[in-house]
Amino acid sequence: MAATSSSQQNVLTATEVKEGWKLLFDGKTLDGWHLFQHPDAKPSWIVQDGTITVDLRTSGVQHGDLTSDAEFENYELAFEWKTTVDGNSGVFINVQENPENQLAWQTGPEYQLLGPEHIDNKKPAKNPGCLYGYSAQLTQTSVHEQGQWNQSVIKQNNGEVAFYLNGNLTAKVDLGSQEWKDWVSQSNFKSFADFGKATKGHIVLQEWTSPVAFRNIKIKEL
């Protein structure tokens, strides 16, 4: 996905509309989003300069992950993001928002987002664009320098998931496969009964320990 010019952020082209793309972020408000498990709270997430970003220092707000109001099953999701030089965040898919799971990562596999100097860049299965913890990048791909926007795509169809970073395929998994089930059973997520089982759920932006910004978040249901 090519980056668009500054005058074309958070809008769809006529071709994209015809193809069925929809914006998940209008560039002005957090309409369509809420804080995970706290739908009525004032979130730490704000809209700033046409981006969704998180203010880690503000008091009087509820901190947590930003969650799409809608759930999605078969789709192509595209978004741009950037973080600090050693930043760490993620995008969770198929998240189940229920009383049994108080944190998004307890059910949703994560598309890893990292700054170029974060220590996890030295851990192959935790590199940017990876399905966190699952495997190394399928195609070795670096994030751009601090301040530059990265382009990411997540595709899911009937439980088959593919992650792309800056135009390259970086992760692929079949959530219904025995390989995936075996990995979960031996991973740090094994104690969470619902982790990685759903093929439909919320899309969630992670608030972690560093600033992160998103723009041009759009989805096409398949």
N, C-alpha and C. Protein backbone atom coordinates (compact mmCIF):
# COMPACT_ATOMS: atom_id res chain seq x y z
N MET A 1 0.85 -1.19 0.00
CA MET A 1 0.00 0.00 0.00
C MET A 1 0.88 1.24 0.00
N ALA A 2 0.76 2.06 -0.97
CA ALA A 2 1.59 3.25 -1.06
C ALA A 2 1.07 4.33 -0.13
N ALA A 3 1.99 5.10 0.44
CA ALA A 3 1.59 6.22 1.28
C ALA A 3 0.93 7.28 0.42
N THR A 4 -0.07 7.93 0.99
CA THR A 4 -0.76 8.98 0.27
C THR A 4 -0.21 10.33 0.67
N SER A 5 -0.47 11.36 -0.12
CA SER A 5 0.03 12.68 0.19
C SER A 5 -0.73 13.27 1.37
N SER A 6 -0.17 14.33 1.97
CA SER A 6 -0.73 14.89 3.19
C SER A 6 -2.15 15.41 3.00
N SER A 7 -2.51 15.74 1.76
CA SER A 7 -3.85 16.27 1.51
C SER A 7 -4.87 15.17 1.27
N GLN A 8 -4.42 13.91 1.31
CA GLN A 8 -5.30 12.80 0.99
C GLN A 8 -5.43 11.79 2.13
N GLN A 9 -5.16 12.22 3.35
CA GLN A 9 -5.20 11.28 4.46
C GLN A 9 -6.64 11.00 4.90
N ASN A 10 -6.87 9.77 5.30
CA ASN A 10 -8.15 9.37 5.89
C ASN A 10 -9.34 9.63 4.97
N VAL A 11 -9.12 9.42 3.68
CA VAL A 11 -10.19 9.51 2.69
C VAL A 11 -10.04 8.32 1.75
N LEU A 12 -11.14 7.98 1.11
CA LEU A 12 -11.13 6.89 0.13
C LEU A 12 -11.22 7.45 -1.27
N THR A 13 -10.53 6.81 -2.20
CA THR A 13 -10.67 7.19 -3.59
C THR A 13 -11.98 6.61 -4.14
N ALA A 14 -12.39 7.11 -5.28
CA ALA A 14 -13.61 6.59 -5.91
C ALA A 14 -13.45 5.11 -6.22
N THR A 15 -12.26 4.71 -6.61
CA THR A 15 -12.01 3.29 -6.90
C THR A 15 -12.14 2.45 -5.64
N GLU A 16 -11.60 2.93 -4.54
CA GLU A 16 -11.69 2.18 -3.28
C GLU A 16 -13.14 2.03 -2.83
N VAL A 17 -13.90 3.08 -2.97
CA VAL A 17 -15.32 3.00 -2.61
C VAL A 17 -16.02 1.95 -3.46
N LYS A 18 -15.73 1.96 -4.75
CA LYS A 18 -16.34 0.99 -5.66
C LYS A 18 -15.94 -0.43 -5.30
N GLU A 19 -14.71 -0.60 -4.81
CA GLU A 19 -14.22 -1.93 -4.45
C GLU A 19 -14.74 -2.41 -3.10
N GLY A 20 -15.38 -1.52 -2.35
CA GLY A 20 -15.97 -1.92 -1.09
C GLY A 20 -15.20 -1.53 0.16
N TRP A 21 -14.19 -0.68 0.01
CA TRP A 21 -13.43 -0.23 1.18
C TRP A 21 -14.26 0.73 2.02
N LYS A 22 -14.04 0.69 3.33
CA LYS A 22 -14.68 1.61 4.26
C LYS A 22 -13.64 2.13 5.24
N LEU A 23 -13.77 3.39 5.62
CA LEU A 23 -12.86 3.95 6.61
C LEU A 23 -13.27 3.50 8.01
N LEU A 24 -12.29 3.13 8.82
CA LEU A 24 -12.54 2.87 10.24
C LEU A 24 -12.16 4.07 11.10
N PHE A 25 -11.56 5.08 10.47
CA PHE A 25 -11.17 6.31 11.16
C PHE A 25 -11.38 7.47 10.20
N ASP A 26 -12.19 8.45 10.64
CA ASP A 26 -12.53 9.56 9.75
C ASP A 26 -11.53 10.71 9.79
N GLY A 27 -10.49 10.58 10.61
CA GLY A 27 -9.48 11.62 10.70
C GLY A 27 -9.81 12.75 11.65
N LYS A 28 -11.02 12.71 12.23
CA LYS A 28 -11.47 13.82 13.08
C LYS A 28 -11.98 13.38 14.44
N THR A 29 -12.55 12.18 14.53
CA THR A 29 -13.18 11.72 15.77
C THR A 29 -12.82 10.26 16.02
N LEU A 30 -13.18 9.79 17.20
CA LEU A 30 -13.02 8.38 17.55
C LEU A 30 -14.33 7.62 17.36
N ASP A 31 -15.21 8.15 16.53
CA ASP A 31 -16.46 7.45 16.23
C ASP A 31 -16.14 6.06 15.68
N GLY A 32 -16.85 5.05 16.21
CA GLY A 32 -16.61 3.69 15.77
C GLY A 32 -15.61 2.94 16.63
N TRP A 33 -15.10 3.61 17.67
CA TRP A 33 -14.11 3.02 18.56
C TRP A 33 -14.50 3.25 20.02
N HIS A 34 -14.04 2.38 20.88
CA HIS A 34 -14.23 2.54 22.33
C HIS A 34 -13.08 1.88 23.06
N LEU A 35 -12.96 2.17 24.34
CA LEU A 35 -11.91 1.57 25.14
C LEU A 35 -12.32 0.15 25.53
N PHE A 36 -11.40 -0.79 25.37
CA PHE A 36 -11.70 -2.19 25.65
C PHE A 36 -12.21 -2.35 27.08
N GLN A 37 -13.39 -2.95 27.20
CA GLN A 37 -14.06 -3.24 28.47
C GLN A 37 -14.54 -1.99 29.20
N HIS A 38 -14.35 -0.81 28.61
CA HIS A 38 -14.80 0.44 29.22
C HIS A 38 -15.45 1.32 28.15
N PRO A 39 -16.59 0.91 27.61
CA PRO A 39 -17.17 1.62 26.46
C PRO A 39 -17.61 3.05 26.75
N ASP A 40 -17.87 3.36 28.01
CA ASP A 40 -18.37 4.70 28.33
C ASP A 40 -17.30 5.61 28.92
N ALA A 41 -16.08 5.11 29.05
CA ALA A 41 -15.01 5.89 29.67
C ALA A 41 -14.40 6.88 28.69
N LYS A 42 -13.82 7.95 29.25
CA LYS A 42 -13.03 8.87 28.44
C LYS A 42 -11.66 8.24 28.24
N PRO A 43 -11.29 7.93 27.01
CA PRO A 43 -10.06 7.16 26.79
C PRO A 43 -8.81 8.04 26.76
N SER A 44 -7.68 7.39 26.95
CA SER A 44 -6.39 8.06 26.80
C SER A 44 -6.07 8.31 25.33
N TRP A 45 -6.81 7.68 24.44
CA TRP A 45 -6.61 7.87 23.01
C TRP A 45 -7.27 9.17 22.55
N ILE A 46 -6.59 9.88 21.66
CA ILE A 46 -7.09 11.15 21.15
C ILE A 46 -6.87 11.21 19.64
N VAL A 47 -7.54 12.17 19.02
CA VAL A 47 -7.28 12.48 17.61
C VAL A 47 -6.41 13.72 17.56
N GLN A 48 -5.29 13.62 16.87
CA GLN A 48 -4.35 14.74 16.80
C GLN A 48 -3.74 14.80 15.40
N ASP A 49 -3.93 15.92 14.75
CA ASP A 49 -3.35 16.13 13.41
C ASP A 49 -3.71 15.01 12.44
N GLY A 50 -4.97 14.59 12.49
CA GLY A 50 -5.43 13.58 11.55
C GLY A 50 -4.97 12.18 11.85
N THR A 51 -4.53 11.94 13.09
CA THR A 51 -4.11 10.60 13.50
C THR A 51 -4.81 10.20 14.79
N ILE A 52 -4.90 8.89 15.00
CA ILE A 52 -5.27 8.37 16.31
C ILE A 52 -3.98 8.13 17.07
N THR A 53 -3.86 8.74 18.23
CA THR A 53 -2.66 8.55 19.04
C THR A 53 -3.06 8.42 20.50
N VAL A 54 -2.12 8.02 21.33
CA VAL A 54 -2.40 7.80 22.74
C VAL A 54 -1.56 8.77 23.56
N ASP A 55 -2.22 9.44 24.52
CA ASP A 55 -1.52 10.36 25.41
C ASP A 55 -1.25 9.63 26.71
N LEU A 56 -0.03 9.17 26.89
CA LEU A 56 0.31 8.34 28.05
C LEU A 56 0.41 9.14 29.34
N ARG A 57 0.49 10.47 29.25
CA ARG A 57 0.73 11.29 30.44
C ARG A 57 -0.51 11.96 30.99
N THR A 58 -1.61 11.95 30.26
CA THR A 58 -2.80 12.66 30.69
C THR A 58 -3.47 11.96 31.86
N SER A 59 -3.88 12.73 32.85
CA SER A 59 -4.64 12.19 33.98
C SER A 59 -6.13 12.41 33.74
N GLY A 60 -6.95 11.74 34.53
CA GLY A 60 -8.39 11.89 34.40
C GLY A 60 -8.99 11.15 33.23
N VAL A 61 -8.24 10.20 32.67
CA VAL A 61 -8.73 9.38 31.57
C VAL A 61 -8.53 7.91 31.91
N GLN A 62 -9.21 7.05 31.16
CA GLN A 62 -9.04 5.61 31.34
C GLN A 62 -8.02 5.11 30.33
N HIS A 63 -7.00 4.45 30.82
CA HIS A 63 -6.00 3.89 29.92
C HIS A 63 -6.40 2.48 29.51
N GLY A 64 -5.95 2.07 28.33
CA GLY A 64 -6.27 0.75 27.83
C GLY A 64 -6.21 0.71 26.32
N ASP A 65 -6.66 -0.39 25.75
CA ASP A 65 -6.58 -0.60 24.30
C ASP A 65 -7.83 -0.06 23.60
N LEU A 66 -7.65 0.50 22.42
CA LEU A 66 -8.76 1.08 21.66
C LEU A 66 -9.35 0.01 20.74
N THR A 67 -10.67 -0.14 20.83
CA THR A 67 -11.35 -1.29 20.23
C THR A 67 -12.39 -0.86 19.21
N SER A 68 -12.43 -1.52 18.09
CA SER A 68 -13.47 -1.22 17.10
C SER A 68 -14.84 -1.61 17.66
N ASP A 69 -15.83 -0.78 17.42
CA ASP A 69 -17.19 -1.13 17.85
C ASP A 69 -17.67 -2.38 17.12
N ALA A 70 -17.35 -2.47 15.86
CA ALA A 70 -17.81 -3.58 15.02
C ALA A 70 -16.86 -4.77 15.13
N GLU A 71 -17.39 -5.94 14.83
CA GLU A 71 -16.58 -7.15 14.71
C GLU A 71 -16.45 -7.50 13.23
N PHE A 72 -15.33 -8.13 12.89
CA PHE A 72 -15.06 -8.46 11.50
C PHE A 72 -14.57 -9.90 11.40
N GLU A 73 -14.88 -10.53 10.26
CA GLU A 73 -14.52 -11.93 10.07
C GLU A 73 -13.59 -12.12 8.87
N ASN A 74 -14.10 -11.94 7.68
CA ASN A 74 -13.29 -12.08 6.46
C ASN A 74 -13.07 -10.69 5.88
N TYR A 75 -11.80 -10.28 5.80
CA TYR A 75 -11.55 -8.88 5.45
C TYR A 75 -10.09 -8.65 5.05
N GLU A 76 -9.88 -7.48 4.49
CA GLU A 76 -8.54 -6.93 4.29
C GLU A 76 -8.50 -5.59 5.02
N LEU A 77 -7.59 -5.46 5.95
CA LEU A 77 -7.43 -4.24 6.75
C LEU A 77 -6.11 -3.59 6.38
N ALA A 78 -6.15 -2.30 6.08
CA ALA A 78 -4.94 -1.55 5.77
C ALA A 78 -4.83 -0.36 6.71
N PHE A 79 -3.61 -0.06 7.14
CA PHE A 79 -3.41 1.08 8.02
C PHE A 79 -1.96 1.53 7.95
N GLU A 80 -1.74 2.78 8.33
CA GLU A 80 -0.40 3.32 8.44
C GLU A 80 -0.13 3.63 9.91
N TRP A 81 1.13 3.50 10.32
CA TRP A 81 1.47 3.70 11.72
C TRP A 81 2.92 4.17 11.86
N LYS A 82 3.19 4.80 12.99
CA LYS A 82 4.56 5.13 13.36
C LYS A 82 4.64 5.21 14.88
N THR A 83 5.84 5.00 15.38
CA THR A 83 6.07 5.07 16.82
C THR A 83 7.44 5.68 17.05
N THR A 84 7.88 5.72 18.30
CA THR A 84 9.19 6.27 18.62
C THR A 84 10.28 5.30 18.20
N VAL A 85 11.52 5.74 18.30
CA VAL A 85 12.64 4.92 17.84
C VAL A 85 12.71 3.58 18.56
N ASP A 86 12.27 3.55 19.83
CA ASP A 86 12.24 2.29 20.58
C ASP A 86 10.82 1.94 21.01
N GLY A 87 9.85 2.37 20.22
CA GLY A 87 8.45 2.17 20.56
C GLY A 87 7.98 0.74 20.40
N ASN A 88 6.86 0.44 21.05
CA ASN A 88 6.29 -0.91 21.03
C ASN A 88 4.77 -0.78 21.11
N SER A 89 4.08 -1.36 20.15
CA SER A 89 2.62 -1.40 20.17
C SER A 89 2.19 -2.62 19.36
N GLY A 90 0.91 -2.68 19.04
CA GLY A 90 0.43 -3.81 18.25
C GLY A 90 -1.01 -3.61 17.84
N VAL A 91 -1.46 -4.46 16.95
CA VAL A 91 -2.86 -4.52 16.54
C VAL A 91 -3.33 -5.95 16.74
N PHE A 92 -4.37 -6.12 17.55
CA PHE A 92 -4.93 -7.44 17.82
C PHE A 92 -6.12 -7.70 16.90
N ILE A 93 -6.28 -8.94 16.49
CA ILE A 93 -7.42 -9.32 15.65
C ILE A 93 -8.26 -10.38 16.35
N ASN A 94 -9.52 -10.47 15.94
CA ASN A 94 -10.44 -11.49 16.45
C ASN A 94 -10.61 -11.43 17.96
N VAL A 95 -10.54 -10.24 18.51
CA VAL A 95 -10.62 -10.07 19.96
C VAL A 95 -12.05 -10.28 20.44
N GLN A 96 -12.18 -11.03 21.52
CA GLN A 96 -13.47 -11.29 22.15
C GLN A 96 -13.60 -10.39 23.38
N GLU A 97 -14.61 -9.56 23.38
CA GLU A 97 -14.82 -8.62 24.49
C GLU A 97 -15.93 -9.17 25.38
N ASN A 98 -15.54 -9.85 26.44
CA ASN A 98 -16.50 -10.46 27.35
C ASN A 98 -15.92 -10.47 28.76
N PRO A 99 -16.74 -10.76 29.78
CA PRO A 99 -16.26 -10.70 31.16
C PRO A 99 -15.14 -11.69 31.46
N GLU A 100 -15.06 -12.76 30.69
CA GLU A 100 -14.06 -13.79 30.96
C GLU A 100 -12.65 -13.35 30.55
N ASN A 101 -12.56 -12.35 29.69
CA ASN A 101 -11.26 -11.92 29.17
C ASN A 101 -11.12 -10.42 29.36
N GLN A 102 -10.33 -10.04 30.33
CA GLN A 102 -10.23 -8.64 30.71
C GLN A 102 -9.22 -7.85 29.89
N LEU A 103 -8.37 -8.55 29.13
CA LEU A 103 -7.37 -7.88 28.31
C LEU A 103 -7.45 -8.40 26.88
N ALA A 104 -7.24 -7.51 25.93
CA ALA A 104 -7.41 -7.88 24.52
C ALA A 104 -6.46 -9.00 24.10
N TRP A 105 -5.23 -8.99 24.60
CA TRP A 105 -4.25 -9.99 24.17
C TRP A 105 -4.56 -11.39 24.68
N GLN A 106 -5.51 -11.51 25.59
CA GLN A 106 -5.88 -12.84 26.10
C GLN A 106 -6.67 -13.65 25.08
N THR A 107 -7.21 -12.99 24.05
CA THR A 107 -7.94 -13.72 23.00
C THR A 107 -7.42 -13.44 21.61
N GLY A 108 -6.83 -12.27 21.37
CA GLY A 108 -6.51 -11.87 20.01
C GLY A 108 -5.04 -11.97 19.64
N PRO A 109 -4.69 -12.69 18.58
CA PRO A 109 -3.33 -12.68 18.07
C PRO A 109 -2.91 -11.26 17.69
N GLU A 110 -1.62 -10.99 17.80
CA GLU A 110 -1.12 -9.62 17.66
C GLU A 110 -0.22 -9.44 16.44
N TYR A 111 -0.50 -8.40 15.68
CA TYR A 111 0.41 -7.90 14.66
C TYR A 111 1.37 -6.96 15.39
N GLN A 112 2.64 -7.32 15.43
CA GLN A 112 3.63 -6.59 16.21
C GLN A 112 4.05 -5.30 15.53
N LEU A 113 4.07 -4.19 16.30
CA LEU A 113 4.55 -2.90 15.83
C LEU A 113 5.74 -2.49 16.70
N LEU A 114 6.86 -2.15 16.08
CA LEU A 114 8.06 -1.77 16.82
C LEU A 114 8.77 -0.60 16.16
N GLY A 115 9.44 0.20 16.99
CA GLY A 115 10.38 1.17 16.47
C GLY A 115 11.67 0.49 16.06
N PRO A 116 12.50 1.14 15.24
CA PRO A 116 13.68 0.49 14.68
C PRO A 116 14.75 0.09 15.69
N GLU A 117 14.72 0.66 16.90
CA GLU A 117 15.76 0.34 17.88
C GLU A 117 15.22 -0.39 19.10
N HIS A 118 13.97 -0.87 19.04
CA HIS A 118 13.44 -1.62 20.18
C HIS A 118 14.17 -2.95 20.31
N ILE A 119 14.38 -3.41 21.54
CA ILE A 119 15.15 -4.62 21.79
C ILE A 119 14.53 -5.86 21.14
N ASP A 120 13.19 -5.85 20.94
CA ASP A 120 12.55 -7.03 20.33
C ASP A 120 12.93 -7.22 18.87
N ASN A 121 13.58 -6.23 18.27
CA ASN A 121 14.09 -6.43 16.91
C ASN A 121 15.17 -7.50 16.87
N LYS A 122 15.74 -7.83 18.04
CA LYS A 122 16.77 -8.87 18.12
C LYS A 122 16.16 -10.25 18.38
N LYS A 123 14.83 -10.31 18.51
CA LYS A 123 14.13 -11.57 18.77
C LYS A 123 13.28 -11.88 17.54
N PRO A 124 13.69 -12.82 16.70
CA PRO A 124 13.05 -13.03 15.39
C PRO A 124 11.54 -13.15 15.41
N ALA A 125 10.97 -13.85 16.39
CA ALA A 125 9.52 -14.05 16.42
C ALA A 125 8.76 -12.86 17.00
N LYS A 126 9.50 -11.80 17.36
CA LYS A 126 8.87 -10.61 17.91
C LYS A 126 9.21 -9.38 17.08
N ASN A 127 9.68 -9.58 15.88
CA ASN A 127 9.99 -8.47 14.98
C ASN A 127 8.72 -7.78 14.50
N PRO A 128 8.83 -6.54 14.02
CA PRO A 128 7.65 -5.87 13.47
C PRO A 128 7.08 -6.64 12.29
N GLY A 129 5.76 -6.67 12.22
CA GLY A 129 5.09 -7.41 11.15
C GLY A 129 4.89 -8.87 11.45
N CYS A 130 5.48 -9.35 12.53
CA CYS A 130 5.28 -10.75 12.92
C CYS A 130 3.94 -10.94 13.61
N LEU A 131 3.43 -12.16 13.57
CA LEU A 131 2.39 -12.57 14.49
C LEU A 131 3.12 -12.87 15.79
N TYR A 132 2.92 -12.02 16.78
CA TYR A 132 3.77 -11.96 17.97
C TYR A 132 4.04 -13.34 18.57
N GLY A 133 5.32 -13.70 18.62
CA GLY A 133 5.75 -14.92 19.26
C GLY A 133 5.68 -16.16 18.41
N TYR A 134 5.00 -16.09 17.26
CA TYR A 134 4.70 -17.30 16.49
C TYR A 134 5.87 -17.73 15.61
N SER A 135 6.38 -16.82 14.81
CA SER A 135 7.48 -17.19 13.92
C SER A 135 8.21 -15.94 13.46
N ALA A 136 9.39 -16.13 12.91
CA ALA A 136 10.15 -15.02 12.35
C ALA A 136 9.46 -14.50 11.09
N GLN A 137 9.84 -13.30 10.66
CA GLN A 137 9.30 -12.74 9.43
C GLN A 137 9.51 -13.70 8.26
N LEU A 138 8.48 -13.86 7.44
CA LEU A 138 8.62 -14.68 6.24
C LEU A 138 9.50 -13.99 5.21
N THR A 139 9.42 -12.67 5.17
CA THR A 139 10.29 -11.87 4.32
C THR A 139 10.95 -10.83 5.21
N GLN A 140 12.27 -10.81 5.25
CA GLN A 140 12.96 -9.86 6.12
C GLN A 140 12.62 -8.44 5.71
N THR A 141 12.03 -7.70 6.65
CA THR A 141 11.52 -6.36 6.35
C THR A 141 11.79 -5.44 7.52
N SER A 142 12.34 -4.28 7.24
CA SER A 142 12.62 -3.30 8.29
C SER A 142 11.53 -2.23 8.31
N VAL A 143 11.35 -1.64 9.48
CA VAL A 143 10.47 -0.48 9.57
C VAL A 143 11.25 0.74 9.10
N HIS A 144 10.51 1.79 8.78
CA HIS A 144 11.15 3.02 8.34
C HIS A 144 11.75 3.76 9.53
N GLU A 145 12.57 4.74 9.24
CA GLU A 145 13.18 5.55 10.28
C GLU A 145 12.11 6.26 11.10
N GLN A 146 12.47 6.63 12.33
CA GLN A 146 11.53 7.32 13.20
C GLN A 146 10.96 8.55 12.50
N GLY A 147 9.65 8.72 12.64
CA GLY A 147 8.97 9.85 12.03
C GLY A 147 8.36 9.55 10.68
N GLN A 148 8.76 8.44 10.07
CA GLN A 148 8.19 8.05 8.79
C GLN A 148 7.09 7.02 8.99
N TRP A 149 6.10 7.05 8.13
CA TRP A 149 4.96 6.15 8.25
C TRP A 149 5.25 4.79 7.63
N ASN A 150 4.85 3.75 8.35
CA ASN A 150 4.90 2.39 7.84
C ASN A 150 3.52 1.98 7.34
N GLN A 151 3.49 1.12 6.33
CA GLN A 151 2.23 0.64 5.77
C GLN A 151 2.04 -0.83 6.15
N SER A 152 0.89 -1.15 6.70
CA SER A 152 0.60 -2.52 7.11
C SER A 152 -0.73 -2.98 6.54
N VAL A 153 -0.81 -4.28 6.29
CA VAL A 153 -2.04 -4.91 5.80
C VAL A 153 -2.23 -6.21 6.56
N ILE A 154 -3.46 -6.46 6.97
CA ILE A 154 -3.85 -7.74 7.56
C ILE A 154 -4.98 -8.30 6.72
N LYS A 155 -4.80 -9.54 6.25
CA LYS A 155 -5.85 -10.22 5.49
C LYS A 155 -6.30 -11.45 6.26
N GLN A 156 -7.61 -11.64 6.35
CA GLN A 156 -8.14 -12.85 6.96
C GLN A 156 -9.31 -13.37 6.13
N ASN A 157 -9.27 -14.65 5.83
CA ASN A 157 -10.36 -15.27 5.07
C ASN A 157 -10.52 -16.70 5.55
N ASN A 158 -11.65 -16.98 6.16
CA ASN A 158 -11.93 -18.31 6.70
C ASN A 158 -10.83 -18.81 7.64
N GLY A 159 -10.35 -17.90 8.46
CA GLY A 159 -9.34 -18.26 9.45
C GLY A 159 -7.92 -18.27 8.95
N GLU A 160 -7.73 -18.05 7.66
CA GLU A 160 -6.37 -17.97 7.12
C GLU A 160 -5.93 -16.51 7.15
N VAL A 161 -4.84 -16.26 7.86
CA VAL A 161 -4.40 -14.90 8.16
C VAL A 161 -3.04 -14.63 7.51
N ALA A 162 -2.89 -13.43 6.95
CA ALA A 162 -1.61 -13.01 6.39
C ALA A 162 -1.34 -11.57 6.82
N PHE A 163 -0.10 -11.32 7.24
CA PHE A 163 0.34 -9.98 7.62
C PHE A 163 1.34 -9.46 6.59
N TYR A 164 1.23 -8.18 6.27
CA TYR A 164 2.17 -7.53 5.37
C TYR A 164 2.71 -6.27 6.03
N LEU A 165 4.00 -6.01 5.83
CA LEU A 165 4.65 -4.81 6.33
C LEU A 165 5.42 -4.15 5.19
N ASN A 166 5.08 -2.91 4.92
CA ASN A 166 5.75 -2.14 3.86
C ASN A 166 5.85 -2.92 2.56
N GLY A 167 4.75 -3.59 2.22
CA GLY A 167 4.63 -4.27 0.94
C GLY A 167 5.07 -5.71 0.92
N ASN A 168 5.64 -6.21 2.01
CA ASN A 168 6.16 -7.58 2.05
C ASN A 168 5.33 -8.48 2.96
N LEU A 169 5.14 -9.73 2.55
CA LEU A 169 4.47 -10.72 3.38
C LEU A 169 5.40 -11.10 4.53
N THR A 170 4.95 -10.87 5.77
CA THR A 170 5.81 -11.13 6.93
C THR A 170 5.29 -12.23 7.84
N ALA A 171 4.02 -12.59 7.75
CA ALA A 171 3.48 -13.65 8.61
C ALA A 171 2.29 -14.30 7.93
N LYS A 172 2.11 -15.59 8.20
CA LYS A 172 0.98 -16.33 7.63
C LYS A 172 0.64 -17.47 8.56
N VAL A 173 -0.66 -17.67 8.80
CA VAL A 173 -1.09 -18.75 9.70
C VAL A 173 -2.53 -19.13 9.38
N ASP A 174 -2.85 -20.38 9.59
CA ASP A 174 -4.22 -20.88 9.51
C ASP A 174 -4.67 -21.15 10.93
N LEU A 175 -5.60 -20.34 11.43
CA LEU A 175 -6.02 -20.45 12.82
C LEU A 175 -6.77 -21.74 13.11
N GLY A 176 -7.15 -22.47 12.08
CA GLY A 176 -7.81 -23.75 12.27
C GLY A 176 -6.88 -24.93 12.17
N SER A 177 -5.60 -24.67 11.92
CA SER A 177 -4.65 -25.75 11.68
C SER A 177 -4.16 -26.37 12.98
N GLN A 178 -3.72 -27.62 12.88
CA GLN A 178 -3.15 -28.29 14.05
C GLN A 178 -1.84 -27.63 14.46
N GLU A 179 -1.11 -27.14 13.48
CA GLU A 179 0.16 -26.46 13.78
C GLU A 179 -0.07 -25.27 14.71
N TRP A 180 -1.09 -24.47 14.40
CA TRP A 180 -1.42 -23.32 15.24
C TRP A 180 -1.87 -23.77 16.63
N LYS A 181 -2.74 -24.76 16.69
CA LYS A 181 -3.22 -25.24 17.99
C LYS A 181 -2.08 -25.79 18.83
N ASP A 182 -1.15 -26.50 18.20
CA ASP A 182 0.00 -27.04 18.92
C ASP A 182 0.88 -25.92 19.46
N TRP A 183 1.08 -24.87 18.64
CA TRP A 183 1.90 -23.76 19.09
C TRP A 183 1.27 -23.08 20.30
N VAL A 184 -0.03 -22.79 20.21
CA VAL A 184 -0.72 -22.14 21.33
C VAL A 184 -0.59 -22.97 22.60
N SER A 185 -0.72 -24.28 22.48
CA SER A 185 -0.70 -25.16 23.65
C SER A 185 0.65 -25.16 24.36
N GLN A 186 1.69 -24.69 23.68
CA GLN A 186 3.02 -24.64 24.28
C GLN A 186 3.53 -23.22 24.48
N SER A 187 2.67 -22.24 24.21
CA SER A 187 3.09 -20.85 24.27
C SER A 187 2.73 -20.22 25.61
N ASN A 188 3.09 -18.96 25.77
CA ASN A 188 2.73 -18.22 26.98
C ASN A 188 1.24 -17.92 27.04
N PHE A 189 0.51 -18.22 25.96
CA PHE A 189 -0.93 -17.95 25.92
C PHE A 189 -1.75 -19.19 26.27
N LYS A 190 -1.11 -20.29 26.59
CA LYS A 190 -1.81 -21.56 26.79
C LYS A 190 -2.80 -21.54 27.94
N SER A 191 -2.61 -20.64 28.91
CA SER A 191 -3.53 -20.59 30.05
C SER A 191 -4.79 -19.78 29.77
N PHE A 192 -4.88 -19.19 28.58
CA PHE A 192 -6.05 -18.41 28.20
C PHE A 192 -6.89 -19.22 27.23
N ALA A 193 -8.02 -19.71 27.71
CA ALA A 193 -8.81 -20.71 26.99
C ALA A 193 -9.29 -20.25 25.62
N ASP A 194 -9.49 -18.94 25.45
CA ASP A 194 -10.05 -18.44 24.20
C ASP A 194 -9.00 -17.87 23.25
N PHE A 195 -7.73 -17.94 23.62
CA PHE A 195 -6.72 -17.29 22.77
C PHE A 195 -6.61 -17.97 21.40
N GLY A 196 -6.71 -17.14 20.37
CA GLY A 196 -6.45 -17.59 19.01
C GLY A 196 -7.45 -18.58 18.44
N LYS A 197 -8.62 -18.69 19.06
CA LYS A 197 -9.61 -19.65 18.58
C LYS A 197 -10.64 -19.02 17.64
N ALA A 198 -11.00 -17.78 17.91
CA ALA A 198 -12.04 -17.12 17.11
C ALA A 198 -11.50 -16.70 15.75
N THR A 199 -12.36 -16.70 14.77
CA THR A 199 -12.02 -16.16 13.45
C THR A 199 -12.91 -14.96 13.11
N LYS A 200 -13.54 -14.42 14.14
CA LYS A 200 -14.32 -13.19 14.02
C LYS A 200 -14.22 -12.45 15.34
N GLY A 201 -14.05 -11.14 15.27
CA GLY A 201 -13.96 -10.38 16.50
C GLY A 201 -13.61 -8.93 16.24
N HIS A 202 -13.26 -8.25 17.31
CA HIS A 202 -12.91 -6.84 17.24
C HIS A 202 -11.46 -6.66 16.79
N ILE A 203 -11.20 -5.51 16.19
CA ILE A 203 -9.84 -5.06 15.90
C ILE A 203 -9.44 -4.09 17.00
N VAL A 204 -8.26 -4.28 17.57
CA VAL A 204 -7.87 -3.53 18.76
C VAL A 204 -6.48 -2.94 18.59
N LEU A 205 -6.35 -1.64 18.91
CA LEU A 205 -5.07 -0.94 18.89
C LEU A 205 -4.51 -0.94 20.30
N GLN A 206 -3.26 -1.35 20.44
CA GLN A 206 -2.68 -1.54 21.76
C GLN A 206 -2.08 -0.26 22.33
N GLU A 207 -2.46 0.04 23.57
CA GLU A 207 -1.73 1.04 24.36
C GLU A 207 -0.69 0.30 25.18
N TRP A 208 0.57 0.64 24.99
CA TRP A 208 1.62 -0.04 25.73
C TRP A 208 2.43 1.02 26.45
N THR A 209 3.72 1.05 26.29
CA THR A 209 4.55 1.95 27.09
C THR A 209 5.13 3.11 26.30
N SER A 210 4.75 3.26 25.05
CA SER A 210 5.34 4.30 24.22
C SER A 210 4.30 4.89 23.29
N PRO A 211 4.52 6.12 22.83
CA PRO A 211 3.58 6.74 21.91
C PRO A 211 3.48 5.96 20.60
N VAL A 212 2.30 5.99 20.01
CA VAL A 212 2.08 5.37 18.71
C VAL A 212 0.99 6.16 18.01
N ALA A 213 1.03 6.22 16.70
CA ALA A 213 0.02 6.95 15.93
C ALA A 213 -0.42 6.11 14.74
N PHE A 214 -1.72 6.23 14.41
CA PHE A 214 -2.31 5.50 13.29
C PHE A 214 -3.06 6.48 12.39
N ARG A 215 -3.11 6.17 11.11
CA ARG A 215 -3.94 6.93 10.18
C ARG A 215 -4.30 6.02 9.00
N ASN A 216 -5.21 6.51 8.16
CA ASN A 216 -5.63 5.77 6.96
C ASN A 216 -6.02 4.33 7.28
N ILE A 217 -6.82 4.17 8.32
CA ILE A 217 -7.29 2.84 8.73
C ILE A 217 -8.55 2.53 7.91
N LYS A 218 -8.46 1.52 7.08
CA LYS A 218 -9.60 1.19 6.22
C LYS A 218 -9.72 -0.31 6.07
N ILE A 219 -10.94 -0.75 5.76
CA ILE A 219 -11.21 -2.18 5.71
C ILE A 219 -12.12 -2.51 4.53
N LYS A 220 -11.87 -3.66 3.95
CA LYS A 220 -12.74 -4.19 2.89
C LYS A 220 -13.15 -5.59 3.31
N GLU A 221 -14.44 -5.78 3.52
CA GLU A 221 -14.92 -7.11 3.91
C GLU A 221 -15.01 -8.00 2.68
N LEU A 222 -14.62 -9.24 2.86
CA LEU A 222 -14.54 -10.19 1.75
C LEU A 222 -15.75 -11.11 1.73
